[in-house]
């Protein structure tokens, strides 16, 4: 497959090309990995990062200009020096900010880290002394906030994420990249629950003969 002229690499970051860090901002992609990805951009039709992180943070972690960066599971994108956001998510920016502020006030719990990702946010509880109880408290608090009822609540490894309720995920984002770049083969790397959408999309594209 690697010899085919229209092959792409689409990869997650945390837990895939970077070890998961207890504190999200401390995660790093090694210089060797960054170099390898930069090299692949010259021999593959597409090298893309598809991550739940804010797209600007993803770019900061890799510092490779020829990579296409898709952040927030597909809600934002950085390419050719331009930042783009899914149009249908823009109206939710004030709601996301209000929910994030309220969660910071209401969840005064030990070991919580709130990750501001612009159009979404994540509540990490990896540092909590009682992660099971903390997870339950996060979900219960969200369940009692009226504005949160209309949002998309997802979970990953020791994190609860709050996103706008738009039909964008790693699966729709991968399909868009495949179509946009005319890919006939894809190497897809991921390690978490949200990456399953990307893997399902790959199976669907295969069954469709694409």
C-alpha atoms as a PDB file:
ATOM      1  CA  UNK A   1       0.000   0.000   0.000  1.00  0.00           C
ATOM      2  CA  UNK A   2       2.812   2.419   0.773  1.00  0.00           C
ATOM      3  CA  UNK A   3       3.887   2.317  -2.882  1.00  0.00           C
ATOM      4  CA  UNK A   4       0.525   3.664  -4.020  1.00  0.00           C
ATOM      5  CA  UNK A   5       0.684   7.331  -5.123  1.00  0.00           C
ATOM      6  CA  UNK A   6      -2.377   8.362  -3.092  1.00  0.00           C
ATOM      7  CA  UNK A   7      -1.694   7.165   0.434  1.00  0.00           C
ATOM      8  CA  UNK A   8      -2.074   9.200   3.615  1.00  0.00           C
ATOM      9  CA  UNK A   9      -1.110   8.950   7.265  1.00  0.00           C
ATOM     10  CA  UNK A  10      -3.720  10.231   9.721  1.00  0.00           C
ATOM     11  CA  UNK A  11      -2.724  10.067  13.378  1.00  0.00           C
ATOM     12  CA  UNK A  12      -3.882  11.019  16.829  1.00  0.00           C
ATOM     13  CA  UNK A  13      -1.356  12.620  19.216  1.00  0.00           C
ATOM     14  CA  UNK A  14      -1.791  11.660  22.874  1.00  0.00           C
ATOM     15  CA  UNK A  15      -1.155   7.993  23.505  1.00  0.00           C
ATOM     16  CA  UNK A  16      -0.181   7.492  19.866  1.00  0.00           C
ATOM     17  CA  UNK A  17       2.750   9.665  18.779  1.00  0.00           C
ATOM     18  CA  UNK A  18       3.187  11.205  22.238  1.00  0.00           C
ATOM     19  CA  UNK A  19       3.055   9.463  25.621  1.00  0.00           C
ATOM     20  CA  UNK A  20       0.031  10.433  27.700  1.00  0.00           C
ATOM     21  CA  UNK A  21       1.068  12.969  30.327  1.00  0.00           C
ATOM     22  CA  UNK A  22      -0.554  13.337  33.733  1.00  0.00           C
ATOM     23  CA  UNK A  23      -0.858  17.070  33.000  1.00  0.00           C
ATOM     24  CA  UNK A  24      -2.006  17.582  29.367  1.00  0.00           C
ATOM     25  CA  UNK A  25       0.212  20.622  28.736  1.00  0.00           C
ATOM     26  CA  UNK A  26       3.286  18.570  29.627  1.00  0.00           C
ATOM     27  CA  UNK A  27       2.806  16.038  26.810  1.00  0.00           C
ATOM     28  CA  UNK A  28       5.537  16.128  24.167  1.00  0.00           C
ATOM     29  CA  UNK A  29       6.153  14.638  20.750  1.00  0.00           C
ATOM     30  CA  UNK A  30       9.773  13.507  20.531  1.00  0.00           C
ATOM     31  CA  UNK A  31      12.162  15.184  18.093  1.00  0.00           C
ATOM     32  CA  UNK A  32      12.641  11.828  16.363  1.00  0.00           C
ATOM     33  CA  UNK A  33       8.919  11.449  15.791  1.00  0.00           C
ATOM     34  CA  UNK A  34       8.581  15.018  14.529  1.00  0.00           C
ATOM     35  CA  UNK A  35      11.467  14.411  12.134  1.00  0.00           C
ATOM     36  CA  UNK A  36       9.909  11.184  10.857  1.00  0.00           C
ATOM     37  CA  UNK A  37       6.579  12.882  10.200  1.00  0.00           C
ATOM     38  CA  UNK A  38       8.320  15.731   8.385  1.00  0.00           C
ATOM     39  CA  UNK A  39      10.110  13.181   6.190  1.00  0.00           C
ATOM     40  CA  UNK A  40       6.850  11.397   5.377  1.00  0.00           C
ATOM     41  CA  UNK A  41       5.276  14.622   4.113  1.00  0.00           C
ATOM     42  CA  UNK A  42       7.621  14.468   1.110  1.00  0.00           C
ATOM     43  CA  UNK A  43       6.632  10.930   0.149  1.00  0.00           C
ATOM     44  CA  UNK A  44       2.922  10.700   1.037  1.00  0.00           C
ATOM     45  CA  UNK A  45      -0.031  12.549  -0.422  1.00  0.00           C
ATOM     46  CA  UNK A  46      -1.157  13.576   3.053  1.00  0.00           C
ATOM     47  CA  UNK A  47       0.209  13.531   6.572  1.00  0.00           C
ATOM     48  CA  UNK A  48      -2.440  14.762   8.995  1.00  0.00           C
ATOM     49  CA  UNK A  49      -2.913  15.003  12.726  1.00  0.00           C
ATOM     50  CA  UNK A  50      -6.480  14.299  13.836  1.00  0.00           C
ATOM     51  CA  UNK A  51      -6.738  15.057  17.538  1.00  0.00           C
ATOM     52  CA  UNK A  52      -9.112  16.051  20.288  1.00  0.00           C
ATOM     53  CA  UNK A  53      -6.710  18.817  21.257  1.00  0.00           C
ATOM     54  CA  UNK A  54      -7.058  22.435  20.255  1.00  0.00           C
ATOM     55  CA  UNK A  55      -5.571  22.688  16.772  1.00  0.00           C
ATOM     56  CA  UNK A  56      -3.087  25.431  17.677  1.00  0.00           C
ATOM     57  CA  UNK A  57      -1.781  23.359  20.584  1.00  0.00           C
ATOM     58  CA  UNK A  58      -1.366  20.386  18.241  1.00  0.00           C
ATOM     59  CA  UNK A  59       0.640  22.518  15.830  1.00  0.00           C
ATOM     60  CA  UNK A  60       2.778  23.799  18.685  1.00  0.00           C
ATOM     61  CA  UNK A  61       3.570  20.216  19.714  1.00  0.00           C
ATOM     62  CA  UNK A  62       4.721  19.117  16.244  1.00  0.00           C
ATOM     63  CA  UNK A  63       6.127  22.337  14.733  1.00  0.00           C
ATOM     64  CA  UNK A  64       5.930  20.824  11.249  1.00  0.00           C
ATOM     65  CA  UNK A  65       4.388  23.132   8.661  1.00  0.00           C
ATOM     66  CA  UNK A  66       3.633  20.559   5.948  1.00  0.00           C
ATOM     67  CA  UNK A  67       1.331  18.545   8.206  1.00  0.00           C
ATOM     68  CA  UNK A  68      -2.423  19.216   8.074  1.00  0.00           C
ATOM     69  CA  UNK A  69      -3.720  19.767  11.615  1.00  0.00           C
ATOM     70  CA  UNK A  70      -7.310  18.878  12.470  1.00  0.00           C
ATOM     71  CA  UNK A  71      -8.214  19.634  16.075  1.00  0.00           C
ATOM     72  CA  UNK A  72     -11.189  19.306  18.415  1.00  0.00           C
ATOM     73  CA  UNK A  73     -12.134  16.044  16.659  1.00  0.00           C
ATOM     74  CA  UNK A  74     -12.642  18.016  13.444  1.00  0.00           C
ATOM     75  CA  UNK A  75     -14.178  21.262  14.676  1.00  0.00           C
ATOM     76  CA  UNK A  76     -11.084  23.293  13.773  1.00  0.00           C
ATOM     77  CA  UNK A  77      -8.249  22.986  11.270  1.00  0.00           C
ATOM     78  CA  UNK A  78      -4.897  24.583  10.529  1.00  0.00           C
ATOM     79  CA  UNK A  79      -3.520  24.404   7.019  1.00  0.00           C
ATOM     80  CA  UNK A  80      -1.312  26.659   4.897  1.00  0.00           C
ATOM     81  CA  UNK A  81      -1.063  29.253   7.660  1.00  0.00           C
ATOM     82  CA  UNK A  82      -4.811  29.585   8.175  1.00  0.00           C
ATOM     83  CA  UNK A  83      -7.076  28.637  11.065  1.00  0.00           C
ATOM     84  CA  UNK A  84     -10.552  27.435  10.116  1.00  0.00           C
ATOM     85  CA  UNK A  85     -13.470  26.489  12.354  1.00  0.00           C
ATOM     86  CA  UNK A  86     -16.535  24.441  11.480  1.00  0.00           C
ATOM     87  CA  UNK A  87     -19.187  27.048  10.704  1.00  0.00           C
ATOM     88  CA  UNK A  88     -21.918  25.181  12.566  1.00  0.00           C
ATOM     89  CA  UNK A  89     -19.852  25.277  15.780  1.00  0.00           C
ATOM     90  CA  UNK A  90     -19.283  29.046  15.906  1.00  0.00           C
ATOM     91  CA  UNK A  91     -22.644  29.878  17.492  1.00  0.00           C
ATOM     92  CA  UNK A  92     -21.810  27.604  20.420  1.00  0.00           C
ATOM     93  CA  UNK A  93     -18.641  29.431  21.460  1.00  0.00           C
ATOM     94  CA  UNK A  94     -20.386  31.597  24.134  1.00  0.00           C
ATOM     95  CA  UNK A  95     -22.258  28.562  25.487  1.00  0.00           C
ATOM     96  CA  UNK A  96     -19.049  26.533  25.744  1.00  0.00           C
ATOM     97  CA  UNK A  97     -17.333  29.362  27.613  1.00  0.00           C
ATOM     98  CA  UNK A  98     -20.211  29.782  30.075  1.00  0.00           C
ATOM     99  CA  UNK A  99     -20.293  26.049  30.767  1.00  0.00           C
ATOM    100  CA  UNK A 100     -16.543  25.940  31.273  1.00  0.00           C
ATOM    101  CA  UNK A 101     -16.691  28.851  33.729  1.00  0.00           C
ATOM    102  CA  UNK A 102     -19.553  27.239  35.652  1.00  0.00           C
ATOM    103  CA  UNK A 103     -17.792  23.871  35.853  1.00  0.00           C
ATOM    104  CA  UNK A 104     -14.673  25.563  37.218  1.00  0.00           C
ATOM    105  CA  UNK A 105     -16.820  27.150  39.952  1.00  0.00           C
ATOM    106  CA  UNK A 106     -18.970  24.137  40.791  1.00  0.00           C
ATOM    107  CA  UNK A 107     -16.298  21.433  40.710  1.00  0.00           C
ATOM    108  CA  UNK A 108     -13.891  22.537  43.404  1.00  0.00           C
ATOM    109  CA  UNK A 109     -12.413  19.063  43.572  1.00  0.00           C
ATOM    110  CA  UNK A 110      -8.855  17.947  44.150  1.00  0.00           C
ATOM    111  CA  UNK A 111      -6.954  16.779  41.090  1.00  0.00           C
ATOM    112  CA  UNK A 112      -9.107  18.292  38.335  1.00  0.00           C
ATOM    113  CA  UNK A 113      -7.600  20.003  35.296  1.00  0.00           C
ATOM    114  CA  UNK A 114      -9.882  21.906  32.926  1.00  0.00           C
ATOM    115  CA  UNK A 115      -8.407  22.084  29.419  1.00  0.00           C
ATOM    116  CA  UNK A 116      -9.716  25.064  27.445  1.00  0.00           C
ATOM    117  CA  UNK A 117      -9.817  24.116  23.752  1.00  0.00           C
ATOM    118  CA  UNK A 118     -11.696  27.124  22.410  1.00  0.00           C
ATOM    119  CA  UNK A 119     -14.721  25.516  20.821  1.00  0.00           C
ATOM    120  CA  UNK A 120     -14.757  22.747  23.449  1.00  0.00           C
ATOM    121  CA  UNK A 121     -13.188  21.850  26.785  1.00  0.00           C
ATOM    122  CA  UNK A 122     -12.042  18.771  28.628  1.00  0.00           C
ATOM    123  CA  UNK A 123     -12.127  17.962  32.343  1.00  0.00           C
ATOM    124  CA  UNK A 124      -9.204  15.692  33.221  1.00  0.00           C
ATOM    125  CA  UNK A 125      -9.374  13.725  36.472  1.00  0.00           C
ATOM    126  CA  UNK A 126      -6.214  11.631  36.189  1.00  0.00           C
ATOM    127  CA  UNK A 127      -4.748  13.375  39.262  1.00  0.00           C
ATOM    128  CA  UNK A 128      -7.800  12.746  41.426  1.00  0.00           C
ATOM    129  CA  UNK A 129      -7.220  10.513  44.462  1.00  0.00           C
ATOM    130  CA  UNK A 130     -10.624   8.916  43.771  1.00  0.00           C
ATOM    131  CA  UNK A 131     -11.060   8.977  39.969  1.00  0.00           C
ATOM    132  CA  UNK A 132     -14.249   6.899  39.938  1.00  0.00           C
ATOM    133  CA  UNK A 133     -16.057   9.234  42.319  1.00  0.00           C
ATOM    134  CA  UNK A 134     -14.651  12.281  40.545  1.00  0.00           C
ATOM    135  CA  UNK A 135     -15.879  11.057  37.145  1.00  0.00           C
ATOM    136  CA  UNK A 136     -19.343  10.492  38.612  1.00  0.00           C
ATOM    137  CA  UNK A 137     -19.339  13.976  40.157  1.00  0.00           C
ATOM    138  CA  UNK A 138     -18.378  15.583  36.841  1.00  0.00           C
ATOM    139  CA  UNK A 139     -21.156  13.810  34.952  1.00  0.00           C
ATOM    140  CA  UNK A 140     -23.683  14.510  37.713  1.00  0.00           C
ATOM    141  CA  UNK A 141     -22.805  18.217  37.734  1.00  0.00           C
ATOM    142  CA  UNK A 142     -23.172  18.413  33.949  1.00  0.00           C
ATOM    143  CA  UNK A 143     -26.493  16.607  34.263  1.00  0.00           C
ATOM    144  CA  UNK A 144     -27.859  19.404  36.449  1.00  0.00           C
ATOM    145  CA  UNK A 145     -26.841  22.305  34.179  1.00  0.00           C
ATOM    146  CA  UNK A 146     -29.659  23.073  31.694  1.00  0.00           C
ATOM    147  CA  UNK A 147     -27.325  24.391  28.972  1.00  0.00           C
ATOM    148  CA  UNK A 148     -25.245  21.222  29.123  1.00  0.00           C
ATOM    149  CA  UNK A 149     -28.235  19.092  28.111  1.00  0.00           C
ATOM    150  CA  UNK A 150     -27.936  20.271  24.516  1.00  0.00           C
ATOM    151  CA  UNK A 151     -24.183  19.706  24.316  1.00  0.00           C
ATOM    152  CA  UNK A 152     -22.266  16.592  23.266  1.00  0.00           C
ATOM    153  CA  UNK A 153     -20.668  14.942  26.295  1.00  0.00           C
ATOM    154  CA  UNK A 154     -18.013  12.341  25.478  1.00  0.00           C
ATOM    155  CA  UNK A 155     -15.367  10.495  27.449  1.00  0.00           C
ATOM    156  CA  UNK A 156     -11.781   9.446  26.833  1.00  0.00           C
ATOM    157  CA  UNK A 157      -8.970   8.198  29.043  1.00  0.00           C
ATOM    158  CA  UNK A 158      -9.676   9.872  32.397  1.00  0.00           C
ATOM    159  CA  UNK A 159     -11.305  12.867  30.724  1.00  0.00           C
ATOM    160  CA  UNK A 160     -14.841  14.135  30.133  1.00  0.00           C
ATOM    161  CA  UNK A 161     -15.237  16.390  27.109  1.00  0.00           C
ATOM    162  CA  UNK A 162     -17.928  18.943  26.346  1.00  0.00           C
ATOM    163  CA  UNK A 163     -18.434  19.764  22.666  1.00  0.00           C
ATOM    164  CA  UNK A 164     -21.024  21.516  20.508  1.00  0.00           C
ATOM    165  CA  UNK A 165     -23.782  19.159  19.300  1.00  0.00           C
ATOM    166  CA  UNK A 166     -22.757  19.200  15.656  1.00  0.00           C
ATOM    167  CA  UNK A 167     -22.257  16.194  13.399  1.00  0.00           C
ATOM    168  CA  UNK A 168     -18.473  16.392  13.369  1.00  0.00           C
ATOM    169  CA  UNK A 169     -16.200  13.717  14.789  1.00  0.00           C
ATOM    170  CA  UNK A 170     -12.994  11.908  13.871  1.00  0.00           C
ATOM    171  CA  UNK A 171     -14.959   9.705  11.487  1.00  0.00           C
ATOM    172  CA  UNK A 172     -16.500  12.531   9.473  1.00  0.00           C
ATOM    173  CA  UNK A 173     -13.177  14.363   9.538  1.00  0.00           C
ATOM    174  CA  UNK A 174     -11.241  11.362   8.223  1.00  0.00           C
ATOM    175  CA  UNK A 175     -13.754  10.867   5.413  1.00  0.00           C
ATOM    176  CA  UNK A 176     -13.437  14.527   4.457  1.00  0.00           C
ATOM    177  CA  UNK A 177      -9.643  14.237   4.251  1.00  0.00           C
ATOM    178  CA  UNK A 178      -9.849  11.056   2.164  1.00  0.00           C
ATOM    179  CA  UNK A 179     -12.207  12.690  -0.330  1.00  0.00           C
ATOM    180  CA  UNK A 180     -10.388  16.030  -0.406  1.00  0.00           C
ATOM    181  CA  UNK A 181      -6.996  14.444  -1.112  1.00  0.00           C
ATOM    182  CA  UNK A 182      -8.241  11.601  -3.284  1.00  0.00           C
ATOM    183  CA  UNK A 183      -6.643   8.996  -1.030  1.00  0.00           C
ATOM    184  CA  UNK A 184      -6.770   5.323  -1.998  1.00  0.00           C
ATOM    185  CA  UNK A 185      -5.102   4.073   1.167  1.00  0.00           C
ATOM    186  CA  UNK A 186      -4.828   5.341   4.726  1.00  0.00           C
ATOM    187  CA  UNK A 187      -2.655   4.470   7.700  1.00  0.00           C
ATOM    188  CA  UNK A 188      -4.701   5.548  10.723  1.00  0.00           C
ATOM    189  CA  UNK A 189      -3.248   5.638  14.236  1.00  0.00           C
ATOM    190  CA  UNK A 190      -5.304   6.077  17.388  1.00  0.00           C
ATOM    191  CA  UNK A 191      -5.600   4.771  20.917  1.00  0.00           C
ATOM    192  CA  UNK A 192      -8.759   6.129  22.523  1.00  0.00           C
ATOM    193  CA  UNK A 193     -12.527   5.791  22.374  1.00  0.00           C
ATOM    194  CA  UNK A 194     -12.982   8.807  20.093  1.00  0.00           C
ATOM    195  CA  UNK A 195     -10.618   7.218  17.546  1.00  0.00           C
ATOM    196  CA  UNK A 196     -13.141   4.425  17.047  1.00  0.00           C
ATOM    197  CA  UNK A 197     -15.174   6.836  14.881  1.00  0.00           C
ATOM    198  CA  UNK A 198     -12.167   7.127  12.559  1.00  0.00           C
ATOM    199  CA  UNK A 199     -11.717   3.350  12.390  1.00  0.00           C
ATOM    200  CA  UNK A 200     -15.424   2.867  11.617  1.00  0.00           C
ATOM    201  CA  UNK A 201     -15.150   5.448   8.869  1.00  0.00           C
ATOM    202  CA  UNK A 202     -12.210   3.540   7.361  1.00  0.00           C
ATOM    203  CA  UNK A 203     -14.242   0.319   7.333  1.00  0.00           C
ATOM    204  CA  UNK A 204     -17.124   2.138   5.654  1.00  0.00           C
ATOM    205  CA  UNK A 205     -14.843   3.661   3.008  1.00  0.00           C
ATOM    206  CA  UNK A 206     -13.409   0.207   2.290  1.00  0.00           C
ATOM    207  CA  UNK A 207     -16.837  -1.367   1.946  1.00  0.00           C
ATOM    208  CA  UNK A 208     -17.816   1.446  -0.436  1.00  0.00           C
ATOM    209  CA  UNK A 209     -14.830   0.633  -2.620  1.00  0.00           C
ATOM    210  CA  UNK A 210     -13.103   3.956  -1.962  1.00  0.00           C
END
